[in-house]
Amino acid sequence: MNNIAAKNGDNDELMNEINDLLYHVMVLCANQGLDWSDVERVLDERNEKIGNLKKFHEVDKNT
């Protein structure tokens, strides 16, 4: 992923980079015969785990 897009606050460029990443992940899943619903299930299971919540913090975009 292009960290410069994130650091520079260019949300349009960042959205395009994230879409590229997701596209390639989905192609990899399809190539391996993995259903996207299985990936979503694992994400849901992780979100339900106690103690898995993390606090978000302000990112210093100047560093």
N, C-alpha and C. Protein backbone atom coordinates (compact mmCIF):
# COMPACT_ATOMS: atom_id res chain seq x y z
N MET A 1 0.85 -1.17 0.00
CA MET A 1 0.00 0.00 0.00
C MET A 1 0.90 1.23 0.00
N ASN A 2 0.44 2.24 -0.62
CA ASN A 2 1.21 3.47 -0.74
C ASN A 2 1.04 4.31 0.53
N ASN A 3 2.05 4.27 1.39
CA ASN A 3 1.99 5.01 2.64
C ASN A 3 2.04 6.51 2.42
N ILE A 4 2.60 6.94 1.28
CA ILE A 4 2.67 8.37 1.00
C ILE A 4 1.27 8.94 0.86
N ALA A 5 0.36 8.19 0.25
CA ALA A 5 -1.02 8.66 0.10
C ALA A 5 -1.64 8.89 1.47
N ALA A 6 -1.39 7.97 2.41
CA ALA A 6 -1.94 8.10 3.75
C ALA A 6 -1.28 9.26 4.49
N LYS A 7 0.04 9.33 4.41
CA LYS A 7 0.76 10.36 5.14
C LYS A 7 0.40 11.76 4.64
N ASN A 8 0.20 11.88 3.34
CA ASN A 8 -0.12 13.19 2.76
C ASN A 8 -1.59 13.56 2.91
N GLY A 9 -2.38 12.64 3.45
CA GLY A 9 -3.80 12.95 3.64
C GLY A 9 -4.58 12.97 2.34
N ASP A 10 -4.07 12.32 1.31
CA ASP A 10 -4.75 12.27 0.01
C ASP A 10 -5.72 11.10 0.02
N ASN A 11 -6.94 11.35 0.47
CA ASN A 11 -7.92 10.28 0.63
C ASN A 11 -8.33 9.65 -0.70
N ASP A 12 -8.36 10.43 -1.77
CA ASP A 12 -8.70 9.84 -3.08
C ASP A 12 -7.63 8.83 -3.50
N GLU A 13 -6.38 9.19 -3.37
CA GLU A 13 -5.30 8.28 -3.71
C GLU A 13 -5.30 7.07 -2.77
N LEU A 14 -5.54 7.32 -1.50
CA LEU A 14 -5.58 6.24 -0.51
C LEU A 14 -6.70 5.25 -0.82
N MET A 15 -7.88 5.75 -1.19
CA MET A 15 -8.98 4.87 -1.55
C MET A 15 -8.61 3.99 -2.75
N ASN A 16 -7.93 4.56 -3.72
CA ASN A 16 -7.49 3.78 -4.88
C ASN A 16 -6.48 2.71 -4.47
N GLU A 17 -5.56 3.04 -3.58
CA GLU A 17 -4.58 2.07 -3.11
C GLU A 17 -5.25 0.93 -2.34
N ILE A 18 -6.23 1.28 -1.49
CA ILE A 18 -6.96 0.27 -0.72
C ILE A 18 -7.75 -0.63 -1.66
N ASN A 19 -8.37 -0.05 -2.69
CA ASN A 19 -9.09 -0.86 -3.66
C ASN A 19 -8.16 -1.82 -4.40
N ASP A 20 -6.96 -1.36 -4.75
CA ASP A 20 -5.98 -2.24 -5.39
C ASP A 20 -5.63 -3.41 -4.47
N LEU A 21 -5.41 -3.10 -3.19
CA LEU A 21 -5.07 -4.14 -2.21
C LEU A 21 -6.20 -5.16 -2.09
N LEU A 22 -7.43 -4.68 -1.92
CA LEU A 22 -8.57 -5.58 -1.78
C LEU A 22 -8.78 -6.42 -3.03
N TYR A 23 -8.60 -5.83 -4.19
CA TYR A 23 -8.73 -6.57 -5.45
C TYR A 23 -7.75 -7.74 -5.48
N HIS A 24 -6.50 -7.47 -5.14
CA HIS A 24 -5.49 -8.53 -5.18
C HIS A 24 -5.74 -9.60 -4.12
N VAL A 25 -6.24 -9.21 -2.95
CA VAL A 25 -6.59 -10.18 -1.92
C VAL A 25 -7.75 -11.05 -2.41
N MET A 26 -8.73 -10.46 -3.05
CA MET A 26 -9.87 -11.23 -3.55
C MET A 26 -9.44 -12.17 -4.68
N VAL A 27 -8.54 -11.73 -5.54
CA VAL A 27 -8.02 -12.60 -6.59
C VAL A 27 -7.27 -13.77 -5.97
N LEU A 28 -6.47 -13.50 -4.95
CA LEU A 28 -5.74 -14.57 -4.25
C LEU A 28 -6.72 -15.57 -3.64
N CYS A 29 -7.77 -15.07 -3.00
CA CYS A 29 -8.79 -15.96 -2.42
C CYS A 29 -9.42 -16.83 -3.50
N ALA A 30 -9.81 -16.23 -4.61
CA ALA A 30 -10.43 -16.98 -5.70
C ALA A 30 -9.46 -18.02 -6.25
N ASN A 31 -8.20 -17.64 -6.40
CA ASN A 31 -7.19 -18.56 -6.93
C ASN A 31 -6.99 -19.76 -6.01
N GLN A 32 -7.14 -19.54 -4.71
CA GLN A 32 -6.95 -20.61 -3.72
C GLN A 32 -8.25 -21.36 -3.41
N GLY A 33 -9.35 -20.94 -4.05
CA GLY A 33 -10.64 -21.58 -3.81
C GLY A 33 -11.25 -21.23 -2.48
N LEU A 34 -10.88 -20.08 -1.94
CA LEU A 34 -11.37 -19.62 -0.65
C LEU A 34 -12.53 -18.66 -0.86
N ASP A 35 -13.67 -18.97 -0.24
CA ASP A 35 -14.84 -18.09 -0.34
C ASP A 35 -14.62 -16.83 0.50
N TRP A 36 -15.03 -15.69 -0.07
CA TRP A 36 -14.90 -14.43 0.67
C TRP A 36 -15.72 -14.48 1.95
N SER A 37 -16.81 -15.24 1.95
CA SER A 37 -17.64 -15.37 3.15
C SER A 37 -16.85 -16.02 4.29
N ASP A 38 -15.90 -16.91 3.95
CA ASP A 38 -15.05 -17.52 4.98
C ASP A 38 -14.14 -16.47 5.63
N VAL A 39 -13.64 -15.57 4.81
CA VAL A 39 -12.79 -14.49 5.34
C VAL A 39 -13.62 -13.60 6.26
N GLU A 40 -14.83 -13.27 5.84
CA GLU A 40 -15.72 -12.46 6.67
C GLU A 40 -16.05 -13.15 7.99
N ARG A 41 -16.24 -14.47 7.93
CA ARG A 41 -16.55 -15.23 9.15
C ARG A 41 -15.40 -15.12 10.15
N VAL A 42 -14.17 -15.24 9.67
CA VAL A 42 -13.01 -15.14 10.56
C VAL A 42 -12.93 -13.74 11.15
N LEU A 43 -13.20 -12.72 10.34
CA LEU A 43 -13.20 -11.34 10.85
C LEU A 43 -14.26 -11.18 11.94
N ASP A 44 -15.45 -11.73 11.71
CA ASP A 44 -16.51 -11.65 12.71
C ASP A 44 -16.11 -12.35 14.00
N GLU A 45 -15.48 -13.54 13.87
CA GLU A 45 -15.04 -14.27 15.06
C GLU A 45 -14.01 -13.47 15.84
N ARG A 46 -13.11 -12.84 15.15
CA ARG A 46 -12.08 -12.04 15.84
C ARG A 46 -12.69 -10.84 16.54
N ASN A 47 -13.69 -10.23 15.92
CA ASN A 47 -14.34 -9.07 16.53
C ASN A 47 -15.11 -9.43 17.78
N GLU A 48 -15.54 -10.69 17.89
CA GLU A 48 -16.31 -11.13 19.04
C GLU A 48 -15.44 -11.51 20.23
N LYS A 49 -14.15 -11.72 20.02
CA LYS A 49 -13.26 -12.14 21.10
C LYS A 49 -13.13 -11.04 22.14
N ILE A 50 -13.24 -11.44 23.40
CA ILE A 50 -13.06 -10.50 24.50
C ILE A 50 -11.59 -10.11 24.57
N GLY A 51 -11.34 -8.85 24.77
CA GLY A 51 -9.97 -8.37 24.88
C GLY A 51 -9.32 -8.09 23.54
N ASN A 52 -10.08 -8.18 22.46
CA ASN A 52 -9.51 -7.95 21.15
C ASN A 52 -9.75 -6.51 20.68
N LEU A 53 -10.40 -5.72 21.52
CA LEU A 53 -10.65 -4.34 21.15
C LEU A 53 -9.41 -3.50 21.38
N LYS A 54 -9.12 -2.66 20.45
CA LYS A 54 -7.96 -1.79 20.57
C LYS A 54 -8.44 -0.34 20.50
N LYS A 55 -7.79 0.51 21.26
CA LYS A 55 -8.13 1.92 21.22
C LYS A 55 -7.42 2.56 20.05
N PHE A 56 -8.14 3.36 19.32
CA PHE A 56 -7.53 4.08 18.22
C PHE A 56 -6.92 5.36 18.76
N HIS A 57 -5.87 5.78 18.13
CA HIS A 57 -5.17 6.98 18.56
C HIS A 57 -4.95 7.89 17.36
N GLU A 58 -4.68 9.13 17.67
CA GLU A 58 -4.38 10.10 16.64
C GLU A 58 -3.03 9.76 16.04
N VAL A 59 -2.94 9.75 14.74
CA VAL A 59 -1.67 9.49 14.07
C VAL A 59 -1.03 10.83 13.75
N ASP A 60 0.22 10.96 14.14
CA ASP A 60 0.96 12.17 13.83
C ASP A 60 1.43 12.08 12.38
N LYS A 61 0.76 12.80 11.50
CA LYS A 61 1.08 12.73 10.08
C LYS A 61 2.35 13.47 9.73
N ASN A 62 2.96 14.11 10.71
CA ASN A 62 4.20 14.86 10.45
C ASN A 62 5.44 14.02 10.70
N THR A 63 5.27 12.77 11.16
CA THR A 63 6.44 11.92 11.42
C THR A 63 6.60 10.89 10.36
